[in-house]
Amino acid sequence: MKVIFLYTEIAGYIVNCFNELANKGHEVHAVRWEVNSEAPFQFELNSNVTLYDRNKYQNADSLLSFVKSINPDKIVCSGWVDKAYLTVCKYYKNSIPTILTIDNHWTGSLKQYLARLLSPIYLQTKFSHVWVPGRKQYEFARKLGFNSTVIQTGFYTADISLFEKYFDQNKEAKTIKFPHVFLYVGRYVQHKGIFGMWEAFIQLKNEDENDWQLWCVGTGDQYENKVEHPSVKHFGFVQPDDLGEIISKSGVYILPSHFEPWGVTLQEFALAGMPLLCSEKVGAAEVFLEEEKNGFMFPANNVKKLKASMKRIIGMDDKSLLDFHYTSAEVGKKINVDIWINTLMKV
């Protein structure tokens, strides 16, 4: 089978899906937008996976001609922001599956009501199916007018083998001494909640004597405004394959986003065996965070509640943290690349 992915920004976890699909004997082609400077991922590709730069196709006609030359069996399109992608999907809609992927929640915004109103002529004429990460995105797809029979879930999945490897490498050492380190991995942008996270952590350090640290991995437009504190360490951007040493010395993963449609990192660090702290706005929490079993959730953009959740972690003994550690590793397996491939096959 030949599959074309019309994508915006690609990351390691979706490339892992491409590679595994190719390992099953399928041919994978992916058109992608240029690399985001805030997430300069590097990829190793299966020989049956080919990436193409979107900017090489100046208009919809040139992109459509390229897709015709591939003669695909299925098309998967990332959102509806690229008009040339939509042209391609409209051309193929009545001959092969054209699959729309969306990760936004229904918020009831004016823009979403407009999308709902226009969906019969703007989306349903171009896409035969919808593929979403979870329940909230499923509800959005239903509000856009797609029948439940053409909506699939489980579109986002972590690189299971990579992060399970990190768990296996570190479980013995963490049994002996659980690291008292909070870890944040993500972009340095306002809506990720990083400033509230730093404020809450520093308040805790000032109020109560404790040995916990906060390590932060990533880059972004707010990197130059990062907080400086003896117990806060910044690593800059790190490739997923190079996270091993940081994970081995980290204890609890924290994702304080004000808005996070899904958040694959929540699954990644659950698989690595890390207890989780995340805001209620992180979509992936519906699957990978089990309250008081492998972590805690807190209201978004609320420093007081975030601090209280961090304080709960600091107040736990290492044995309890270790229980969370093992629970996370199991919960992280709920979605995997085999499910992802099977879903694509049955569309």
Protein backbone atom coordinates (compact mmCIF):
# COMPACT_ATOMS: atom_id res chain seq x y z
CA MET A 1 0.00 0.00 0.00
CA LYS A 2 1.12 3.56 -0.73
CA VAL A 3 0.20 6.21 1.83
CA ILE A 4 0.81 9.95 1.50
CA PHE A 5 0.85 12.13 4.60
CA LEU A 6 0.22 15.82 3.95
CA TYR A 7 1.69 17.19 7.15
CA THR A 8 2.52 20.43 8.90
CA GLU A 9 5.41 20.00 11.38
CA ILE A 10 6.58 16.45 11.95
CA ALA A 11 8.15 15.12 15.15
CA GLY A 12 9.93 11.97 16.19
CA TYR A 13 6.82 10.13 17.34
CA ILE A 14 5.05 10.42 13.96
CA VAL A 15 8.25 9.50 12.11
CA ASN A 16 8.39 6.37 14.26
CA CYS A 17 4.88 5.54 13.01
CA PHE A 18 6.03 6.11 9.42
CA ASN A 19 8.99 3.77 9.95
CA GLU A 20 6.90 1.03 11.54
CA LEU A 21 4.35 1.27 8.75
CA ALA A 22 7.20 0.90 6.25
CA ASN A 23 8.51 -2.09 8.23
CA LYS A 24 5.19 -3.79 7.46
CA GLY A 25 6.01 -3.49 3.75
CA HIS A 26 4.08 -0.33 2.93
CA GLU A 27 5.38 2.69 1.03
CA VAL A 28 5.25 5.96 2.96
CA HIS A 29 5.49 9.45 1.47
CA ALA A 30 5.25 12.54 3.66
CA VAL A 31 5.09 16.15 2.53
CA ARG A 32 6.02 18.37 5.46
CA TRP A 33 6.41 22.03 6.30
CA GLU A 34 9.91 23.33 6.99
CA VAL A 35 11.52 22.44 10.31
CA ASN A 36 10.42 24.60 13.25
CA SER A 37 13.43 26.29 14.85
CA GLU A 38 11.85 25.64 18.26
CA ALA A 39 11.80 21.88 17.61
CA PRO A 40 14.67 21.00 15.25
CA PHE A 41 14.17 17.24 15.31
CA GLN A 42 16.52 14.99 13.39
CA PHE A 43 15.14 11.78 11.93
CA GLU A 44 16.34 8.34 10.92
CA LEU A 45 14.13 7.02 8.13
CA ASN A 46 13.29 3.54 6.88
CA SER A 47 14.25 3.13 3.22
CA ASN A 48 10.54 2.94 2.34
CA VAL A 49 9.87 6.37 3.90
CA THR A 50 10.45 9.52 1.86
CA LEU A 51 10.07 13.10 3.11
CA TYR A 52 9.33 16.02 0.78
CA ASP A 53 9.57 19.73 1.56
CA ARG A 54 6.23 21.47 1.17
CA ASN A 55 7.88 24.67 -0.12
CA LYS A 56 9.02 22.85 -3.27
CA TYR A 57 5.42 22.88 -4.49
CA GLN A 58 4.53 26.49 -5.15
CA ASN A 59 0.82 25.97 -5.77
CA ALA A 60 -1.97 23.42 -5.51
CA ASP A 61 -1.57 22.26 -9.11
CA SER A 62 2.10 21.36 -8.69
CA LEU A 63 1.36 19.49 -5.46
CA LEU A 64 -1.53 17.61 -7.04
CA SER A 65 0.66 16.60 -9.99
CA PHE A 66 3.23 15.26 -7.57
CA VAL A 67 0.62 13.26 -5.63
CA LYS A 68 -0.74 11.82 -8.89
CA SER A 69 2.77 10.62 -9.72
CA ILE A 70 2.81 8.64 -6.47
CA ASN A 71 -0.66 7.17 -7.14
CA PRO A 72 -1.50 6.69 -3.43
CA ASP A 73 -3.97 4.26 -1.88
CA LYS A 74 -4.70 6.54 1.08
CA ILE A 75 -4.08 10.16 2.02
CA VAL A 76 -3.72 11.45 5.59
CA CYS A 77 -3.94 15.23 5.97
CA SER A 78 -2.85 17.19 9.04
CA GLY A 79 -5.61 19.72 9.70
CA TRP A 80 -7.16 22.06 7.14
CA VAL A 81 -4.86 25.09 7.22
CA ASP A 82 -3.00 24.29 3.99
CA LYS A 83 -5.24 25.08 1.00
CA ALA A 84 -3.09 23.05 -1.42
CA TYR A 85 -3.51 20.00 0.82
CA LEU A 86 -7.26 20.54 0.69
CA THR A 87 -7.21 20.69 -3.10
CA VAL A 88 -5.47 17.32 -3.25
CA CYS A 89 -7.91 15.74 -0.80
CA LYS A 90 -10.92 17.07 -2.69
CA TYR A 91 -9.59 15.57 -5.93
CA TYR A 92 -9.19 12.12 -4.37
CA LYS A 93 -12.12 12.11 -1.94
CA ASN A 94 -14.43 9.92 -4.03
CA SER A 95 -11.78 7.42 -5.12
CA ILE A 96 -9.60 6.63 -2.08
CA PRO A 97 -9.78 7.30 1.68
CA THR A 98 -8.84 10.90 2.48
CA ILE A 99 -8.30 11.15 6.21
CA LEU A 100 -8.41 14.40 8.15
CA THR A 101 -6.44 14.53 11.42
CA ILE A 102 -7.34 17.11 14.07
CA ASP A 103 -6.17 17.51 17.65
CA ASN A 104 -8.16 20.53 18.83
CA HIS A 105 -10.88 20.33 21.48
CA TRP A 106 -14.33 21.79 21.03
CA THR A 107 -14.26 25.08 22.94
CA GLY A 108 -17.33 26.74 21.50
CA SER A 109 -15.33 29.62 20.02
CA LEU A 110 -16.71 31.75 17.21
CA LYS A 111 -14.10 30.28 14.86
CA GLN A 112 -15.22 26.75 15.69
CA TYR A 113 -18.90 27.59 15.22
CA LEU A 114 -17.97 29.00 11.82
CA ALA A 115 -16.06 25.79 10.99
CA ARG A 116 -19.13 23.79 12.04
CA LEU A 117 -21.34 25.88 9.79
CA LEU A 118 -19.02 25.58 6.79
CA SER A 119 -18.03 21.94 7.32
CA PRO A 120 -20.55 20.42 4.84
CA ILE A 121 -19.00 22.38 1.96
CA TYR A 122 -15.48 22.99 3.25
CA LEU A 123 -14.51 19.73 4.97
CA GLN A 124 -16.96 16.96 4.16
CA THR A 125 -16.40 17.50 0.43
CA LYS A 126 -12.69 16.80 0.93
CA PHE A 127 -12.42 14.14 3.64
CA SER A 128 -13.96 10.70 3.86
CA HIS A 129 -12.69 9.98 7.39
CA VAL A 130 -11.35 11.72 10.50
CA TRP A 131 -8.58 10.43 12.76
CA VAL A 132 -8.16 12.06 16.18
CA PRO A 133 -6.10 11.45 19.34
CA GLY A 134 -8.85 11.08 21.95
CA ARG A 135 -12.37 11.63 23.24
CA LYS A 136 -12.43 15.44 23.20
CA GLN A 137 -11.24 15.56 19.60
CA TYR A 138 -13.81 12.88 18.71
CA GLU A 139 -16.52 15.18 20.07
CA PHE A 140 -15.16 18.04 17.95
CA ALA A 141 -15.27 15.87 14.81
CA ARG A 142 -18.87 14.95 15.57
CA LYS A 143 -19.78 18.63 15.94
CA LEU A 144 -18.20 19.23 12.52
CA GLY A 145 -20.83 16.86 11.16
CA PHE A 146 -18.82 13.70 10.59
CA ASN A 147 -20.66 10.45 11.31
CA SER A 148 -19.28 8.39 14.19
CA THR A 149 -18.66 5.50 11.78
CA VAL A 150 -15.93 7.46 9.96
CA ILE A 151 -14.10 8.78 13.05
CA GLN A 152 -11.15 6.87 14.52
CA THR A 153 -9.17 7.63 17.69
CA GLY A 154 -5.56 6.96 18.70
CA PHE A 155 -3.82 9.11 16.10
CA TYR A 156 -0.97 10.17 18.41
CA THR A 157 1.29 7.53 19.90
CA ALA A 158 4.74 7.74 21.44
CA ASP A 159 7.80 5.78 20.33
CA ILE A 160 7.10 2.93 22.75
CA SER A 161 10.39 1.08 22.34
CA LEU A 162 12.53 4.18 22.93
CA PHE A 163 10.86 5.28 26.16
CA GLU A 164 10.40 1.74 27.48
CA LYS A 165 14.14 1.40 27.02
CA TYR A 166 14.64 4.39 29.30
CA PHE A 167 12.37 2.75 31.89
CA ASP A 168 14.27 -0.55 31.76
CA GLN A 169 17.64 1.18 32.01
CA ASN A 170 16.70 3.16 35.11
CA LYS A 171 14.22 1.14 37.16
CA GLU A 172 16.88 -0.57 39.30
CA ALA A 173 18.68 2.68 40.16
CA LYS A 174 15.41 4.46 40.91
CA THR A 175 14.42 1.61 43.22
CA ILE A 176 17.55 2.30 45.24
CA LYS A 177 17.22 6.10 45.24
CA PHE A 178 14.34 7.91 43.58
CA PRO A 179 15.57 11.17 42.01
CA HIS A 180 14.13 14.32 43.57
CA VAL A 181 13.95 16.18 40.27
CA PHE A 182 10.95 17.61 38.44
CA LEU A 183 11.43 17.49 34.65
CA TYR A 184 9.79 19.71 32.03
CA VAL A 185 10.31 18.94 28.33
CA GLY A 186 8.65 21.28 25.85
CA ARG A 187 8.83 24.61 24.11
CA TYR A 188 9.67 27.79 25.98
CA VAL A 189 6.48 29.63 25.04
CA GLN A 190 3.93 31.46 27.17
CA HIS A 191 1.00 29.04 26.79
CA LYS A 192 3.05 26.10 28.07
CA GLY A 193 2.74 27.56 31.58
CA ILE A 194 6.48 27.67 32.18
CA PHE A 195 6.48 30.98 34.05
CA GLY A 196 3.87 29.76 36.53
CA MET A 197 5.82 26.52 36.94
CA TRP A 198 9.02 28.38 37.76
CA GLU A 199 7.19 30.73 40.13
CA ALA A 200 5.50 27.85 42.00
CA PHE A 201 8.74 25.89 42.33
CA ILE A 202 10.76 28.86 43.60
CA GLN A 203 8.05 29.69 46.13
CA LEU A 204 8.27 26.13 47.44
CA LYS A 205 12.05 26.37 47.71
CA ASN A 206 11.71 29.62 49.66
CA GLU A 207 8.97 28.37 51.98
CA ASP A 208 10.22 24.90 52.92
CA GLU A 209 13.65 23.35 52.95
CA ASN A 210 13.75 20.51 50.43
CA ASP A 211 16.28 18.89 48.12
CA TRP A 212 14.17 18.94 44.95
CA GLN A 213 15.35 20.46 41.66
CA LEU A 214 13.56 21.50 38.47
CA TRP A 215 15.17 20.59 35.14
CA CYS A 216 13.87 22.08 31.90
CA VAL A 217 14.53 20.87 28.34
CA GLY A 218 13.55 22.85 25.25
CA THR A 219 13.81 26.15 23.47
CA GLY A 220 11.47 28.81 22.11
CA ASP A 221 10.78 32.51 21.91
CA GLN A 222 10.81 32.86 25.72
CA TYR A 223 14.12 31.07 26.24
CA GLU A 224 15.98 34.33 26.87
CA ASN A 225 13.43 35.15 29.58
CA LYS A 226 13.97 31.92 31.47
CA VAL A 227 14.23 32.08 35.24
CA GLU A 228 17.65 31.71 36.84
CA HIS A 229 17.79 29.89 40.19
CA PRO A 230 20.33 27.55 41.83
CA SER A 231 17.80 24.68 41.81
CA VAL A 232 16.52 25.26 38.25
CA LYS A 233 18.59 23.87 35.38
CA HIS A 234 18.08 24.61 31.65
CA PHE A 235 19.39 22.20 28.99
CA GLY A 236 18.15 23.77 25.75
CA PHE A 237 16.81 21.54 22.98
CA VAL A 238 17.72 17.84 23.25
CA GLN A 239 16.94 15.17 20.64
CA PRO A 240 14.67 12.37 22.00
CA ASP A 241 17.42 9.79 21.46
CA ASP A 242 19.72 11.83 23.71
CA LEU A 243 17.35 12.18 26.67
CA GLY A 244 18.55 9.03 28.41
CA GLU A 245 20.95 10.59 30.89
CA ILE A 246 18.50 13.35 31.83
CA ILE A 247 15.68 10.84 32.38
CA SER A 248 17.94 8.62 34.48
CA LYS A 249 18.46 11.48 36.94
CA SER A 250 14.88 12.83 36.87
CA GLY A 251 11.92 11.77 38.97
CA VAL A 252 8.62 13.44 38.06
CA TYR A 253 7.43 14.82 34.72
CA ILE A 254 5.52 18.10 34.75
CA LEU A 255 3.44 19.63 31.94
CA PRO A 256 1.71 22.84 33.15
CA SER A 257 0.24 23.97 29.80
CA HIS A 258 -2.55 26.54 29.67
CA PHE A 259 -3.71 24.79 26.50
CA GLU A 260 -2.43 21.45 25.15
CA PRO A 261 -4.69 19.68 22.63
CA TRP A 262 -2.95 16.37 23.34
CA GLY A 263 0.67 16.32 24.55
CA VAL A 264 2.52 13.18 23.42
CA THR A 265 5.23 13.89 25.98
CA LEU A 266 2.80 12.80 28.71
CA GLN A 267 2.75 9.30 27.24
CA GLU A 268 6.49 9.34 26.56
CA PHE A 269 7.45 10.08 30.15
CA ALA A 270 4.79 7.76 31.54
CA LEU A 271 6.44 5.00 29.51
CA ALA A 272 9.79 6.06 30.99
CA GLY A 273 8.26 5.37 34.41
CA MET A 274 7.86 8.93 35.62
CA PRO A 275 5.01 10.07 37.89
CA LEU A 276 3.04 12.84 36.18
CA LEU A 277 1.93 16.35 37.08
CA CYS A 278 -0.12 18.14 34.45
CA SER A 279 -2.79 20.78 34.02
CA GLU A 280 -6.39 19.90 33.27
CA LYS A 281 -5.91 21.37 29.79
CA VAL A 282 -3.58 18.56 28.67
CA GLY A 283 -5.65 16.32 26.42
CA ALA A 284 -3.52 13.19 26.88
CA ALA A 285 -4.28 13.17 30.61
CA GLU A 286 -7.60 11.46 29.83
CA VAL A 287 -5.60 8.34 28.96
CA PHE A 288 -2.26 8.50 30.74
CA LEU A 289 -2.84 10.19 34.09
CA GLU A 290 -4.69 8.24 36.79
CA GLU A 291 -5.29 10.60 39.71
CA GLU A 292 -3.42 9.59 42.88
CA LYS A 293 -2.17 6.43 41.16
CA ASN A 294 0.54 7.82 38.92
CA GLY A 295 0.20 11.57 39.39
CA PHE A 296 -1.91 14.64 40.03
CA MET A 297 -3.82 17.12 37.87
CA PHE A 298 -4.25 20.82 38.64
CA PRO A 299 -6.19 23.74 37.12
CA ALA A 300 -4.38 25.48 34.28
CA ASN A 301 -2.83 28.91 34.84
CA ASN A 302 -3.21 28.61 38.62
CA VAL A 303 0.13 29.00 40.43
CA LYS A 304 -1.40 28.26 43.83
CA LYS A 305 -2.88 24.92 42.74
CA LEU A 306 0.23 23.99 40.79
CA LYS A 307 2.36 24.67 43.84
CA ALA A 308 0.04 22.52 45.96
CA SER A 309 0.45 19.62 43.51
CA MET A 310 4.22 19.97 43.50
CA LYS A 311 4.13 20.09 47.30
CA ARG A 312 2.19 16.81 47.39
CA ILE A 313 4.95 15.18 45.36
CA ILE A 314 7.68 16.62 47.59
CA GLY A 315 5.83 15.31 50.64
CA MET A 316 5.68 11.73 49.33
CA ASP A 317 8.23 9.16 50.45
CA ASP A 318 10.36 7.39 47.87
CA LYS A 319 8.39 4.14 48.14
CA SER A 320 5.16 5.92 47.19
CA LEU A 321 6.91 7.69 44.33
CA LEU A 322 8.19 4.31 43.17
CA ASP A 323 4.62 2.96 43.13
CA PHE A 324 3.67 5.86 40.85
CA HIS A 325 6.76 5.06 38.76
CA TYR A 326 5.62 1.51 37.99
CA THR A 327 1.99 2.51 37.43
CA SER A 328 3.03 5.14 34.88
CA ALA A 329 5.06 2.59 32.93
CA GLU A 330 1.97 0.37 32.56
CA VAL A 331 -0.49 3.18 31.83
CA GLY A 332 1.81 4.48 29.08
CA LYS A 333 1.22 1.32 27.01
CA LYS A 334 -2.48 2.00 26.41
CA ILE A 335 -1.86 3.37 22.91
CA ASN A 336 0.87 1.99 20.65
CA VAL A 337 2.05 1.96 17.06
CA ASP A 338 0.48 -1.44 16.31
CA ILE A 339 -2.94 0.01 17.17
CA TRP A 340 -2.04 3.03 15.00
CA ILE A 341 -1.18 0.85 11.99
CA ASN A 342 -4.26 -1.35 12.42
CA THR A 343 -6.45 1.75 12.51
CA LEU A 344 -4.95 3.07 9.30
CA MET A 345 -5.36 -0.33 7.64
CA LYS A 346 -9.06 -0.65 8.45
CA VAL A 347 -10.03 2.81 7.12
